[in-house]
Amino acid sequence: MALIASTIDARPTVFGNKAVVTGSLTSTGVTSGHIDLSGLLANIDTFVINGSGSTARDAPGSGIDGTLVYLESTVSGAAYQFTAIGNRS
């Protein structure tokens, strides 16, 4: 799967050994891929993604493997926002 270009918000929220990372992505020309959060998190406990913008979208399927989030069934050209919570690196 290809790496999906995403924008990570500049200031993750930290509480204890946990961090909350938020960001957004636009699925341009692909319907599956992954997001690499290894630069911010040691592991991912939970990941939530939803469509954003003026057109309602179903959330794509996702799976977690360490610090990689795999996405499937994204709509090409659609915008999404996500939140990840995990141990900070």
C-alpha atoms as a PDB file:
ATOM      1  CA  MET A   1       0.000   0.000   0.000  1.00  0.00           C
ATOM      2  CA  ALA A   2       1.159   3.494  -0.777  1.00  0.00           C
ATOM      3  CA  LEU A   3       1.841   6.140   1.815  1.00  0.00           C
ATOM      4  CA  ILE A   4      -1.074   8.589   1.859  1.00  0.00           C
ATOM      5  CA  ALA A   5       0.051  12.198   2.186  1.00  0.00           C
ATOM      6  CA  SER A   6      -1.357  13.657   5.372  1.00  0.00           C
ATOM      7  CA  THR A   7      -1.028  16.868   7.347  1.00  0.00           C
ATOM      8  CA  ILE A   8      -0.331  16.448  11.055  1.00  0.00           C
ATOM      9  CA  ASP A   9      -1.427  19.275  13.337  1.00  0.00           C
ATOM     10  CA  ALA A  10       1.650  21.030  14.713  1.00  0.00           C
ATOM     11  CA  ARG A  11       0.895  20.645  18.426  1.00  0.00           C
ATOM     12  CA  PRO A  12      -0.016  17.169  19.658  1.00  0.00           C
ATOM     13  CA  THR A  13      -1.687  17.034  23.073  1.00  0.00           C
ATOM     14  CA  VAL A  14       0.309  15.155  25.719  1.00  0.00           C
ATOM     15  CA  PHE A  15      -0.959  13.709  28.995  1.00  0.00           C
ATOM     16  CA  GLY A  16       1.395  11.491  30.974  1.00  0.00           C
ATOM     17  CA  ASN A  17       2.957   8.973  28.604  1.00  0.00           C
ATOM     18  CA  LYS A  18       0.110   9.349  26.075  1.00  0.00           C
ATOM     19  CA  ALA A  19      -0.211  11.702  23.113  1.00  0.00           C
ATOM     20  CA  VAL A  20      -3.175  12.699  20.967  1.00  0.00           C
ATOM     21  CA  VAL A  21      -2.268  13.403  17.340  1.00  0.00           C
ATOM     22  CA  THR A  22      -4.771  15.001  14.981  1.00  0.00           C
ATOM     23  CA  GLY A  23      -4.525  15.661  11.283  1.00  0.00           C
ATOM     24  CA  SER A  24      -6.160  15.576   7.894  1.00  0.00           C
ATOM     25  CA  LEU A  25      -5.697  13.999   4.489  1.00  0.00           C
ATOM     26  CA  THR A  26      -7.136  14.096   1.012  1.00  0.00           C
ATOM     27  CA  SER A  27      -7.212  10.796  -0.810  1.00  0.00           C
ATOM     28  CA  THR A  28      -5.860  11.903  -4.180  1.00  0.00           C
ATOM     29  CA  GLY A  29      -6.029   9.215  -6.850  1.00  0.00           C
ATOM     30  CA  VAL A  30      -5.861   6.290  -4.401  1.00  0.00           C
ATOM     31  CA  THR A  31      -8.480   4.290  -2.536  1.00  0.00           C
ATOM     32  CA  SER A  32      -6.146   2.626  -0.026  1.00  0.00           C
ATOM     33  CA  GLY A  33      -2.816   3.293   1.648  1.00  0.00           C
ATOM     34  CA  HIS A  34      -1.197   3.975   4.991  1.00  0.00           C
ATOM     35  CA  ILE A  35      -0.246   6.785   7.368  1.00  0.00           C
ATOM     36  CA  ASP A  36       3.061   6.505   9.250  1.00  0.00           C
ATOM     37  CA  LEU A  37       2.934   8.037  12.749  1.00  0.00           C
ATOM     38  CA  SER A  38       6.289   6.614  13.949  1.00  0.00           C
ATOM     39  CA  GLY A  39       7.774  10.117  14.262  1.00  0.00           C
ATOM     40  CA  LEU A  40       5.223  11.030  16.953  1.00  0.00           C
ATOM     41  CA  LEU A  41       4.025   7.840  18.634  1.00  0.00           C
ATOM     42  CA  ALA A  42       5.723   4.685  19.932  1.00  0.00           C
ATOM     43  CA  ASN A  43       2.510   2.741  19.311  1.00  0.00           C
ATOM     44  CA  ILE A  44      -1.118   3.515  18.507  1.00  0.00           C
ATOM     45  CA  ASP A  45      -3.882   2.552  20.945  1.00  0.00           C
ATOM     46  CA  THR A  46      -6.801   3.937  18.941  1.00  0.00           C
ATOM     47  CA  PHE A  47      -7.414   5.647  15.611  1.00  0.00           C
ATOM     48  CA  VAL A  48     -10.578   7.445  14.475  1.00  0.00           C
ATOM     49  CA  ILE A  49     -11.146   8.852  10.984  1.00  0.00           C
ATOM     50  CA  ASN A  50     -14.160  10.619   9.511  1.00  0.00           C
ATOM     51  CA  GLY A  51     -14.995  12.378   6.286  1.00  0.00           C
ATOM     52  CA  SER A  52     -14.853  16.173   6.387  1.00  0.00           C
ATOM     53  CA  GLY A  53     -16.110  18.980   4.209  1.00  0.00           C
ATOM     54  CA  SER A  54     -19.505  19.729   2.770  1.00  0.00           C
ATOM     55  CA  THR A  55     -20.171  16.225   1.388  1.00  0.00           C
ATOM     56  CA  ALA A  56     -20.992  13.513   3.921  1.00  0.00           C
ATOM     57  CA  ARG A  57     -18.652  10.533   3.648  1.00  0.00           C
ATOM     58  CA  ASP A  58     -18.510   7.175   5.352  1.00  0.00           C
ATOM     59  CA  ALA A  59     -15.353   6.604   7.344  1.00  0.00           C
ATOM     60  CA  PRO A  60     -12.888   4.364   5.503  1.00  0.00           C
ATOM     61  CA  GLY A  61     -11.875   1.045   6.995  1.00  0.00           C
ATOM     62  CA  SER A  62      -8.694   1.151   9.049  1.00  0.00           C
ATOM     63  CA  GLY A  63      -6.261  -1.222  10.714  1.00  0.00           C
ATOM     64  CA  ILE A  64      -3.299  -0.568  13.014  1.00  0.00           C
ATOM     65  CA  ASP A  65       0.113  -2.243  12.918  1.00  0.00           C
ATOM     66  CA  GLY A  66       2.464  -0.664  15.476  1.00  0.00           C
ATOM     67  CA  THR A  67       2.722   2.955  14.291  1.00  0.00           C
ATOM     68  CA  LEU A  68       1.241   2.423  10.829  1.00  0.00           C
ATOM     69  CA  VAL A  69      -2.437   2.971  10.103  1.00  0.00           C
ATOM     70  CA  TYR A  70      -3.744   1.182   7.025  1.00  0.00           C
ATOM     71  CA  LEU A  71      -6.748   2.696   5.269  1.00  0.00           C
ATOM     72  CA  GLU A  72      -9.046   1.115   2.708  1.00  0.00           C
ATOM     73  CA  SER A  73     -12.110   2.210   0.792  1.00  0.00           C
ATOM     74  CA  THR A  74     -11.216   5.898   0.766  1.00  0.00           C
ATOM     75  CA  VAL A  75     -12.970   7.993  -1.874  1.00  0.00           C
ATOM     76  CA  SER A  76     -10.538   9.558  -4.344  1.00  0.00           C
ATOM     77  CA  GLY A  77     -10.524  13.330  -3.908  1.00  0.00           C
ATOM     78  CA  ALA A  78     -12.363  13.189  -0.566  1.00  0.00           C
ATOM     79  CA  ALA A  79     -11.110  14.983   2.555  1.00  0.00           C
ATOM     80  CA  TYR A  80     -10.805  13.238   5.911  1.00  0.00           C
ATOM     81  CA  GLN A  81      -9.846  14.220   9.472  1.00  0.00           C
ATOM     82  CA  PHE A  82      -8.296  11.813  11.966  1.00  0.00           C
ATOM     83  CA  THR A  83      -7.308  11.427  15.611  1.00  0.00           C
ATOM     84  CA  ALA A  84      -4.768   8.937  16.950  1.00  0.00           C
ATOM     85  CA  ILE A  85      -4.019   8.214  20.611  1.00  0.00           C
ATOM     86  CA  GLY A  86      -0.978   6.248  21.714  1.00  0.00           C
ATOM     87  CA  ASN A  87       2.207   6.171  23.727  1.00  0.00           C
ATOM     88  CA  ARG A  88       4.442   9.082  22.846  1.00  0.00           C
ATOM     89  CA  SER A  89       7.812   8.342  21.347  1.00  0.00           C
END
